[in-house]
Amino acid sequence: MKRLFSRISLVALLAITAHGQEVPALLKGFLTLDKHVRAEAVVVLPPPEIEKYIAKVEQAAQKDRKWFEEYSKNTKPGIPLPFHEKIGLTKTEYDEYLALWAKREFKVAQVVNLLLRKGSEGRWNIIASDAAASISSLRYSDKDDNWKSTNGIMTRLPDINADPMSILGGWTGKEWKFEEETSLSKLKENFAVGITSDGKYHLLVYRAQEMTATGTRLLDKNLVLRIPAAAGAVKTTAPTKPATPTKPATPGKANKR
């Protein structure tokens, strides 16, 4: 009888331990506890010819900064602004710009390794190598649904449903943000976990920016990691172009989404 109770206790203990190590739903499907996973640190590059259009828009923005800020307020982040005669491009030039923007491609900057670990306080963290090392200090609480960075707790933002014309193409995901402003500087830190609309890649997107009160840039870190959703070689593809662009954007307004 004593042996029976011992076995039952052991089984119960193993069950509790296994449950405690269950990977959070947010990371399940592309990360496994204590198992190395290959990922790509990527940058998105439009054709070089697009630079001349960007330069024209930037010149127009310098002439009327206040108007540009107002005009861009209601535009989704990361996509070109709708056409307007004040953006510095003719309608023909604007159409040429959109055609070039649709040809943007993912370029692999570095292949990195990711390793999911269970740490203290019930938090999970993704240990990343090389160019992706900046996310290694982030720790996720499945219970509280937040990430904790060295700066503090990152709070949830509305879910991402990126436009196909955004810099990363169409993708959906969840995002967290830390923001702090002092008399000396303003710091913003964002982290998002998602998947591309075609289901081919999981995405980890990290951005950190810090500016002084006078506008001097102290920190500007951007990181996009792609993890194949299925086994096999990674094939580099361009973001999907929508059949009818609903909200074209202006050069220079492309962010992580």
C-alpha atoms as a PDB file:
ATOM      1  CA  MET A   1       0.000   0.000   0.000  1.00  0.00           C
ATOM      2  CA  LYS A   2       2.838   2.365   0.873  1.00  0.00           C
ATOM      3  CA  ARG A   3       4.465   1.692  -2.521  1.00  0.00           C
ATOM      4  CA  LEU A   4       1.137   2.382  -4.259  1.00  0.00           C
ATOM      5  CA  PHE A   5       0.834   5.779  -2.573  1.00  0.00           C
ATOM      6  CA  SER A   6       4.448   6.527  -3.486  1.00  0.00           C
ATOM      7  CA  ARG A   7       3.781   5.754  -7.136  1.00  0.00           C
ATOM      8  CA  ILE A   8       0.629   7.842  -7.139  1.00  0.00           C
ATOM      9  CA  SER A   9       2.532  10.732  -5.537  1.00  0.00           C
ATOM     10  CA  LEU A  10       5.304  10.419  -8.110  1.00  0.00           C
ATOM     11  CA  VAL A  11       2.834  10.420 -11.012  1.00  0.00           C
ATOM     12  CA  ALA A  12       1.076  13.461  -9.572  1.00  0.00           C
ATOM     13  CA  LEU A  13       4.379  15.270  -9.150  1.00  0.00           C
ATOM     14  CA  LEU A  14       5.396  14.537 -12.736  1.00  0.00           C
ATOM     15  CA  ALA A  15       2.024  15.752 -13.968  1.00  0.00           C
ATOM     16  CA  ILE A  16       2.364  19.003 -12.038  1.00  0.00           C
ATOM     17  CA  THR A  17       5.910  19.501 -13.314  1.00  0.00           C
ATOM     18  CA  ALA A  18       4.875  18.869 -16.915  1.00  0.00           C
ATOM     19  CA  HIS A  19       1.984  21.304 -16.615  1.00  0.00           C
ATOM     20  CA  GLY A  20       4.250  23.936 -15.131  1.00  0.00           C
ATOM     21  CA  GLN A  21       6.601  23.626 -18.123  1.00  0.00           C
ATOM     22  CA  GLU A  22       3.865  23.867 -20.741  1.00  0.00           C
ATOM     23  CA  VAL A  23       4.816  26.434 -23.364  1.00  0.00           C
ATOM     24  CA  PRO A  24       2.470  29.466 -23.388  1.00  0.00           C
ATOM     25  CA  ALA A  25      -0.038  29.545 -26.233  1.00  0.00           C
ATOM     26  CA  LEU A  26       1.609  32.747 -27.485  1.00  0.00           C
ATOM     27  CA  LEU A  27       4.860  30.894 -28.246  1.00  0.00           C
ATOM     28  CA  LYS A  28       3.552  27.401 -28.900  1.00  0.00           C
ATOM     29  CA  GLY A  29       3.951  26.079 -32.408  1.00  0.00           C
ATOM     30  CA  PHE A  30       7.315  27.640 -33.165  1.00  0.00           C
ATOM     31  CA  LEU A  31       9.256  27.479 -29.891  1.00  0.00           C
ATOM     32  CA  THR A  32       9.870  24.425 -27.696  1.00  0.00           C
ATOM     33  CA  LEU A  33      11.265  24.454 -24.174  1.00  0.00           C
ATOM     34  CA  ASP A  34      15.072  24.048 -24.138  1.00  0.00           C
ATOM     35  CA  LYS A  35      15.237  23.338 -27.869  1.00  0.00           C
ATOM     36  CA  HIS A  36      17.296  25.452 -30.282  1.00  0.00           C
ATOM     37  CA  VAL A  37      15.324  26.990 -33.135  1.00  0.00           C
ATOM     38  CA  ARG A  38      16.787  28.610 -36.232  1.00  0.00           C
ATOM     39  CA  ALA A  39      15.529  32.086 -37.116  1.00  0.00           C
ATOM     40  CA  GLU A  40      16.404  34.787 -39.631  1.00  0.00           C
ATOM     41  CA  ALA A  41      17.150  38.389 -38.730  1.00  0.00           C
ATOM     42  CA  VAL A  42      15.819  40.213 -41.776  1.00  0.00           C
ATOM     43  CA  VAL A  43      15.622  43.692 -43.251  1.00  0.00           C
ATOM     44  CA  VAL A  44      13.129  44.824 -45.871  1.00  0.00           C
ATOM     45  CA  LEU A  45      14.604  46.660 -48.838  1.00  0.00           C
ATOM     46  CA  PRO A  46      12.703  48.384 -51.646  1.00  0.00           C
ATOM     47  CA  PRO A  47      14.486  48.803 -54.986  1.00  0.00           C
ATOM     48  CA  PRO A  48      17.196  51.532 -54.876  1.00  0.00           C
ATOM     49  CA  GLU A  49      15.267  53.563 -57.449  1.00  0.00           C
ATOM     50  CA  ILE A  50      12.724  54.472 -54.776  1.00  0.00           C
ATOM     51  CA  GLU A  51      15.223  56.794 -53.055  1.00  0.00           C
ATOM     52  CA  LYS A  52      14.642  59.687 -55.446  1.00  0.00           C
ATOM     53  CA  TYR A  53      10.930  59.708 -54.572  1.00  0.00           C
ATOM     54  CA  ILE A  54      11.662  59.533 -50.852  1.00  0.00           C
ATOM     55  CA  ALA A  55      14.007  62.507 -51.181  1.00  0.00           C
ATOM     56  CA  LYS A  56      11.286  64.580 -52.834  1.00  0.00           C
ATOM     57  CA  VAL A  57       8.790  63.808 -50.095  1.00  0.00           C
ATOM     58  CA  GLU A  58      11.320  64.610 -47.378  1.00  0.00           C
ATOM     59  CA  GLN A  59      11.995  67.985 -49.006  1.00  0.00           C
ATOM     60  CA  ALA A  60       8.262  68.731 -49.076  1.00  0.00           C
ATOM     61  CA  ALA A  61       7.963  67.709 -45.423  1.00  0.00           C
ATOM     62  CA  GLN A  62      10.738  70.115 -44.436  1.00  0.00           C
ATOM     63  CA  LYS A  63       8.870  72.978 -46.068  1.00  0.00           C
ATOM     64  CA  ASP A  64       5.611  72.299 -44.195  1.00  0.00           C
ATOM     65  CA  ARG A  65       6.295  70.014 -41.237  1.00  0.00           C
ATOM     66  CA  LYS A  66       3.098  70.948 -39.406  1.00  0.00           C
ATOM     67  CA  TRP A  67       0.886  70.008 -42.368  1.00  0.00           C
ATOM     68  CA  PHE A  68       2.639  66.646 -42.780  1.00  0.00           C
ATOM     69  CA  GLU A  69       2.144  65.804 -39.115  1.00  0.00           C
ATOM     70  CA  GLU A  70      -1.555  66.578 -39.303  1.00  0.00           C
ATOM     71  CA  TYR A  71      -2.023  64.745 -42.602  1.00  0.00           C
ATOM     72  CA  SER A  72      -0.365  61.567 -41.341  1.00  0.00           C
ATOM     73  CA  LYS A  73      -2.240  61.368 -38.013  1.00  0.00           C
ATOM     74  CA  ASN A  74      -5.089  59.205 -39.293  1.00  0.00           C
ATOM     75  CA  THR A  75      -2.963  56.952 -41.493  1.00  0.00           C
ATOM     76  CA  LYS A  76      -2.089  53.438 -40.399  1.00  0.00           C
ATOM     77  CA  PRO A  77       1.556  53.161 -39.344  1.00  0.00           C
ATOM     78  CA  GLY A  78       3.963  51.572 -41.776  1.00  0.00           C
ATOM     79  CA  ILE A  79       2.124  52.205 -45.039  1.00  0.00           C
ATOM     80  CA  PRO A  80       2.471  55.008 -47.598  1.00  0.00           C
ATOM     81  CA  LEU A  81       0.341  58.110 -47.090  1.00  0.00           C
ATOM     82  CA  PRO A  82      -2.569  58.625 -49.483  1.00  0.00           C
ATOM     83  CA  PHE A  83      -1.759  60.845 -52.447  1.00  0.00           C
ATOM     84  CA  HIS A  84      -1.973  64.605 -52.008  1.00  0.00           C
ATOM     85  CA  GLU A  85      -0.477  67.338 -54.133  1.00  0.00           C
ATOM     86  CA  LYS A  86       1.447  68.649 -51.105  1.00  0.00           C
ATOM     87  CA  ILE A  87       3.482  65.473 -50.531  1.00  0.00           C
ATOM     88  CA  GLY A  88       5.999  66.540 -53.172  1.00  0.00           C
ATOM     89  CA  LEU A  89       5.126  64.010 -55.872  1.00  0.00           C
ATOM     90  CA  THR A  90       3.016  64.282 -58.979  1.00  0.00           C
ATOM     91  CA  LYS A  91       0.309  61.639 -59.398  1.00  0.00           C
ATOM     92  CA  THR A  92       2.485  59.856 -61.959  1.00  0.00           C
ATOM     93  CA  GLU A  93       5.486  59.894 -59.604  1.00  0.00           C
ATOM     94  CA  TYR A  94       3.304  58.654 -56.766  1.00  0.00           C
ATOM     95  CA  ASP A  95       2.112  55.686 -58.838  1.00  0.00           C
ATOM     96  CA  GLU A  96       5.723  54.922 -59.769  1.00  0.00           C
ATOM     97  CA  TYR A  97       6.652  55.025 -56.089  1.00  0.00           C
ATOM     98  CA  LEU A  98       3.885  52.548 -55.189  1.00  0.00           C
ATOM     99  CA  ALA A  99       5.029  50.190 -57.944  1.00  0.00           C
ATOM    100  CA  LEU A 100       8.548  50.214 -56.507  1.00  0.00           C
ATOM    101  CA  TRP A 101       7.280  49.840 -52.936  1.00  0.00           C
ATOM    102  CA  ALA A 102       5.376  46.710 -53.998  1.00  0.00           C
ATOM    103  CA  LYS A 103       8.694  45.173 -55.116  1.00  0.00           C
ATOM    104  CA  ARG A 104      10.320  45.374 -51.681  1.00  0.00           C
ATOM    105  CA  GLU A 105      12.082  42.188 -50.591  1.00  0.00           C
ATOM    106  CA  PHE A 106      13.188  40.489 -47.402  1.00  0.00           C
ATOM    107  CA  LYS A 107      16.958  40.199 -47.139  1.00  0.00           C
ATOM    108  CA  VAL A 108      18.496  37.888 -44.550  1.00  0.00           C
ATOM    109  CA  ALA A 109      21.035  39.851 -42.511  1.00  0.00           C
ATOM    110  CA  GLN A 110      21.964  36.933 -40.233  1.00  0.00           C
ATOM    111  CA  VAL A 111      20.807  33.471 -39.204  1.00  0.00           C
ATOM    112  CA  VAL A 112      20.438  33.283 -35.408  1.00  0.00           C
ATOM    113  CA  ASN A 113      19.507  30.717 -32.763  1.00  0.00           C
ATOM    114  CA  LEU A 114      16.611  31.018 -30.323  1.00  0.00           C
ATOM    115  CA  LEU A 115      16.242  29.015 -27.121  1.00  0.00           C
ATOM    116  CA  LEU A 116      13.117  29.124 -24.949  1.00  0.00           C
ATOM    117  CA  ARG A 117      13.743  28.897 -21.208  1.00  0.00           C
ATOM    118  CA  LYS A 118      11.559  28.971 -18.084  1.00  0.00           C
ATOM    119  CA  GLY A 119      12.978  31.461 -15.590  1.00  0.00           C
ATOM    120  CA  SER A 120      12.130  32.956 -12.230  1.00  0.00           C
ATOM    121  CA  GLU A 121       8.763  34.432 -11.231  1.00  0.00           C
ATOM    122  CA  GLY A 122       7.074  32.016 -13.628  1.00  0.00           C
ATOM    123  CA  ARG A 123       8.329  34.029 -16.589  1.00  0.00           C
ATOM    124  CA  TRP A 124       9.600  32.727 -19.914  1.00  0.00           C
ATOM    125  CA  ASN A 125      12.391  34.207 -21.946  1.00  0.00           C
ATOM    126  CA  ILE A 126      13.810  33.669 -25.406  1.00  0.00           C
ATOM    127  CA  ILE A 127      17.590  33.516 -25.377  1.00  0.00           C
ATOM    128  CA  ALA A 128      18.756  34.802 -28.736  1.00  0.00           C
ATOM    129  CA  SER A 129      22.195  34.850 -30.304  1.00  0.00           C
ATOM    130  CA  ASP A 130      24.165  37.436 -32.252  1.00  0.00           C
ATOM    131  CA  ALA A 131      22.073  40.190 -33.882  1.00  0.00           C
ATOM    132  CA  ALA A 132      18.965  39.073 -31.979  1.00  0.00           C
ATOM    133  CA  ALA A 133      20.558  39.269 -28.520  1.00  0.00           C
ATOM    134  CA  SER A 134      18.569  42.408 -27.602  1.00  0.00           C
ATOM    135  CA  ILE A 135      15.417  40.338 -26.959  1.00  0.00           C
ATOM    136  CA  SER A 136      17.162  37.956 -24.541  1.00  0.00           C
ATOM    137  CA  SER A 137      16.373  40.184 -21.569  1.00  0.00           C
ATOM    138  CA  LEU A 138      12.606  40.148 -22.237  1.00  0.00           C
ATOM    139  CA  ARG A 139      10.545  37.851 -19.985  1.00  0.00           C
ATOM    140  CA  TYR A 140       6.950  36.785 -20.593  1.00  0.00           C
ATOM    141  CA  SER A 141       4.283  36.049 -17.974  1.00  0.00           C
ATOM    142  CA  ASP A 142       1.542  33.822 -19.348  1.00  0.00           C
ATOM    143  CA  LYS A 143      -0.558  34.526 -16.247  1.00  0.00           C
ATOM    144  CA  ASP A 144      -0.380  38.314 -16.541  1.00  0.00           C
ATOM    145  CA  ASP A 145      -0.030  38.397 -20.335  1.00  0.00           C
ATOM    146  CA  ASN A 146       2.845  40.864 -20.312  1.00  0.00           C
ATOM    147  CA  TRP A 147       6.539  41.099 -21.086  1.00  0.00           C
ATOM    148  CA  LYS A 148       9.051  42.525 -18.642  1.00  0.00           C
ATOM    149  CA  SER A 149      12.163  44.255 -19.943  1.00  0.00           C
ATOM    150  CA  THR A 150      15.067  45.776 -18.062  1.00  0.00           C
ATOM    151  CA  ASN A 151      13.148  49.063 -18.228  1.00  0.00           C
ATOM    152  CA  GLY A 152       9.906  47.772 -16.694  1.00  0.00           C
ATOM    153  CA  ILE A 153       6.600  46.056 -17.474  1.00  0.00           C
ATOM    154  CA  MET A 154       5.447  46.228 -21.087  1.00  0.00           C
ATOM    155  CA  THR A 155       1.665  46.556 -21.401  1.00  0.00           C
ATOM    156  CA  ARG A 156      -0.603  45.137 -24.099  1.00  0.00           C
ATOM    157  CA  LEU A 157      -1.598  47.199 -27.114  1.00  0.00           C
ATOM    158  CA  PRO A 158      -4.490  46.424 -29.495  1.00  0.00           C
ATOM    159  CA  ASP A 159      -3.901  43.354 -31.669  1.00  0.00           C
ATOM    160  CA  ILE A 160      -2.018  43.884 -34.918  1.00  0.00           C
ATOM    161  CA  ASN A 161      -3.719  43.350 -38.260  1.00  0.00           C
ATOM    162  CA  ALA A 162      -1.188  44.857 -40.635  1.00  0.00           C
ATOM    163  CA  ASP A 163      -2.137  46.107 -44.085  1.00  0.00           C
ATOM    164  CA  PRO A 164      -0.581  44.137 -46.984  1.00  0.00           C
ATOM    165  CA  MET A 165       1.096  47.396 -48.031  1.00  0.00           C
ATOM    166  CA  SER A 166       2.883  47.698 -44.674  1.00  0.00           C
ATOM    167  CA  ILE A 167       6.640  47.255 -44.651  1.00  0.00           C
ATOM    168  CA  LEU A 168       6.378  43.610 -43.500  1.00  0.00           C
ATOM    169  CA  GLY A 169       3.368  42.845 -45.666  1.00  0.00           C
ATOM    170  CA  GLY A 170       0.152  41.477 -44.186  1.00  0.00           C
ATOM    171  CA  TRP A 171       0.488  39.909 -40.748  1.00  0.00           C
ATOM    172  CA  THR A 172      -1.393  39.537 -37.485  1.00  0.00           C
ATOM    173  CA  GLY A 173      -0.101  39.464 -33.956  1.00  0.00           C
ATOM    174  CA  LYS A 174      -0.018  40.743 -30.401  1.00  0.00           C
ATOM    175  CA  GLU A 175       2.036  43.711 -29.234  1.00  0.00           C
ATOM    176  CA  TRP A 176       3.349  45.128 -25.943  1.00  0.00           C
ATOM    177  CA  LYS A 177       4.855  48.526 -25.153  1.00  0.00           C
ATOM    178  CA  PHE A 178       6.901  50.271 -22.479  1.00  0.00           C
ATOM    179  CA  GLU A 179       7.076  54.060 -22.503  1.00  0.00           C
ATOM    180  CA  GLU A 180       8.783  56.447 -20.122  1.00  0.00           C
ATOM    181  CA  GLU A 181       9.437  60.173 -20.341  1.00  0.00           C
ATOM    182  CA  THR A 182      11.671  62.201 -18.046  1.00  0.00           C
ATOM    183  CA  SER A 183      13.011  65.738 -18.149  1.00  0.00           C
ATOM    184  CA  LEU A 184      16.078  64.354 -19.924  1.00  0.00           C
ATOM    185  CA  SER A 185      14.720  61.859 -22.451  1.00  0.00           C
ATOM    186  CA  LYS A 186      11.817  59.849 -23.813  1.00  0.00           C
ATOM    187  CA  LEU A 187      12.053  56.050 -24.178  1.00  0.00           C
ATOM    188  CA  LYS A 188       9.771  53.748 -26.179  1.00  0.00           C
ATOM    189  CA  GLU A 189      10.118  49.973 -26.337  1.00  0.00           C
ATOM    190  CA  ASN A 190       7.835  47.649 -28.349  1.00  0.00           C
ATOM    191  CA  PHE A 191       7.727  43.891 -28.795  1.00  0.00           C
ATOM    192  CA  ALA A 192       5.327  41.949 -31.008  1.00  0.00           C
ATOM    193  CA  VAL A 193       4.722  38.256 -31.702  1.00  0.00           C
ATOM    194  CA  GLY A 194       2.789  37.306 -34.813  1.00  0.00           C
ATOM    195  CA  ILE A 195       2.441  35.328 -38.024  1.00  0.00           C
ATOM    196  CA  THR A 196       2.357  36.327 -41.687  1.00  0.00           C
ATOM    197  CA  SER A 197      -0.989  36.315 -43.474  1.00  0.00           C
ATOM    198  CA  ASP A 198       0.111  33.432 -45.708  1.00  0.00           C
ATOM    199  CA  GLY A 199       0.983  31.374 -42.627  1.00  0.00           C
ATOM    200  CA  LYS A 200       4.579  30.759 -43.759  1.00  0.00           C
ATOM    201  CA  TYR A 201       6.443  32.571 -41.009  1.00  0.00           C
ATOM    202  CA  HIS A 202       6.156  33.425 -37.333  1.00  0.00           C
ATOM    203  CA  LEU A 203       7.464  36.894 -36.519  1.00  0.00           C
ATOM    204  CA  LEU A 204       9.196  38.448 -33.538  1.00  0.00           C
ATOM    205  CA  VAL A 205       9.452  42.232 -33.920  1.00  0.00           C
ATOM    206  CA  TYR A 206      11.360  44.423 -31.461  1.00  0.00           C
ATOM    207  CA  ARG A 207      11.938  48.161 -31.468  1.00  0.00           C
ATOM    208  CA  ALA A 208      13.543  50.485 -28.928  1.00  0.00           C
ATOM    209  CA  GLN A 209      13.936  54.245 -29.319  1.00  0.00           C
ATOM    210  CA  GLU A 210      15.250  56.917 -26.996  1.00  0.00           C
ATOM    211  CA  MET A 211      15.409  60.639 -27.713  1.00  0.00           C
ATOM    212  CA  THR A 212      16.697  63.505 -25.620  1.00  0.00           C
ATOM    213  CA  ALA A 213      14.408  66.406 -24.720  1.00  0.00           C
ATOM    214  CA  THR A 214      16.079  68.379 -27.509  1.00  0.00           C
ATOM    215  CA  GLY A 215      15.464  65.692 -30.130  1.00  0.00           C
ATOM    216  CA  THR A 216      18.866  64.002 -30.239  1.00  0.00           C
ATOM    217  CA  ARG A 217      18.622  60.274 -30.944  1.00  0.00           C
ATOM    218  CA  LEU A 218      20.239  58.178 -28.212  1.00  0.00           C
ATOM    219  CA  LEU A 219      18.927  54.750 -29.234  1.00  0.00           C
ATOM    220  CA  ASP A 220      17.273  53.334 -32.316  1.00  0.00           C
ATOM    221  CA  LYS A 221      17.126  49.540 -32.380  1.00  0.00           C
ATOM    222  CA  ASN A 222      14.994  47.611 -34.893  1.00  0.00           C
ATOM    223  CA  LEU A 223      14.847  43.831 -35.088  1.00  0.00           C
ATOM    224  CA  VAL A 224      12.654  41.553 -37.206  1.00  0.00           C
ATOM    225  CA  LEU A 225      12.985  37.788 -36.805  1.00  0.00           C
ATOM    226  CA  ARG A 226      11.322  35.224 -39.066  1.00  0.00           C
ATOM    227  CA  ILE A 227      10.818  31.608 -38.008  1.00  0.00           C
ATOM    228  CA  PRO A 228       9.470  29.176 -40.623  1.00  0.00           C
ATOM    229  CA  ALA A 229       6.047  27.857 -39.656  1.00  0.00           C
ATOM    230  CA  ALA A 230       6.841  24.446 -41.175  1.00  0.00           C
ATOM    231  CA  ALA A 231       9.974  22.329 -41.528  1.00  0.00           C
ATOM    232  CA  GLY A 232      12.073  22.791 -44.617  1.00  0.00           C
ATOM    233  CA  ALA A 233      14.261  25.345 -46.283  1.00  0.00           C
ATOM    234  CA  VAL A 234      13.390  28.996 -45.870  1.00  0.00           C
ATOM    235  CA  LYS A 235      12.432  30.632 -49.128  1.00  0.00           C
ATOM    236  CA  THR A 236      12.817  34.393 -49.284  1.00  0.00           C
ATOM    237  CA  THR A 237       9.775  36.080 -50.758  1.00  0.00           C
ATOM    238  CA  ALA A 238       8.524  39.611 -51.224  1.00  0.00           C
ATOM    239  CA  PRO A 239       5.515  40.830 -49.245  1.00  0.00           C
ATOM    240  CA  THR A 240       2.183  40.207 -50.916  1.00  0.00           C
ATOM    241  CA  LYS A 241       0.885  43.021 -53.078  1.00  0.00           C
ATOM    242  CA  PRO A 242      -2.860  43.639 -52.714  1.00  0.00           C
ATOM    243  CA  ALA A 243      -4.980  43.577 -55.831  1.00  0.00           C
ATOM    244  CA  THR A 244      -6.204  47.092 -55.087  1.00  0.00           C
ATOM    245  CA  PRO A 245      -4.128  49.160 -52.646  1.00  0.00           C
ATOM    246  CA  THR A 246      -6.658  50.711 -50.303  1.00  0.00           C
ATOM    247  CA  LYS A 247      -4.345  53.059 -48.417  1.00  0.00           C
ATOM    248  CA  PRO A 248      -1.094  53.786 -50.195  1.00  0.00           C
ATOM    249  CA  ALA A 249       1.453  55.544 -47.994  1.00  0.00           C
ATOM    250  CA  THR A 250       4.218  58.039 -48.483  1.00  0.00           C
ATOM    251  CA  PRO A 251       7.925  57.285 -48.488  1.00  0.00           C
ATOM    252  CA  GLY A 252       9.516  57.531 -45.088  1.00  0.00           C
ATOM    253  CA  LYS A 253       6.390  56.521 -43.122  1.00  0.00           C
ATOM    254  CA  ALA A 254       7.189  52.829 -43.009  1.00  0.00           C
ATOM    255  CA  ASN A 255       7.717  51.389 -39.550  1.00  0.00           C
ATOM    256  CA  LYS A 256       7.744  47.875 -38.209  1.00  0.00           C
ATOM    257  CA  ARG A 257       4.217  47.057 -39.307  1.00  0.00           C
END
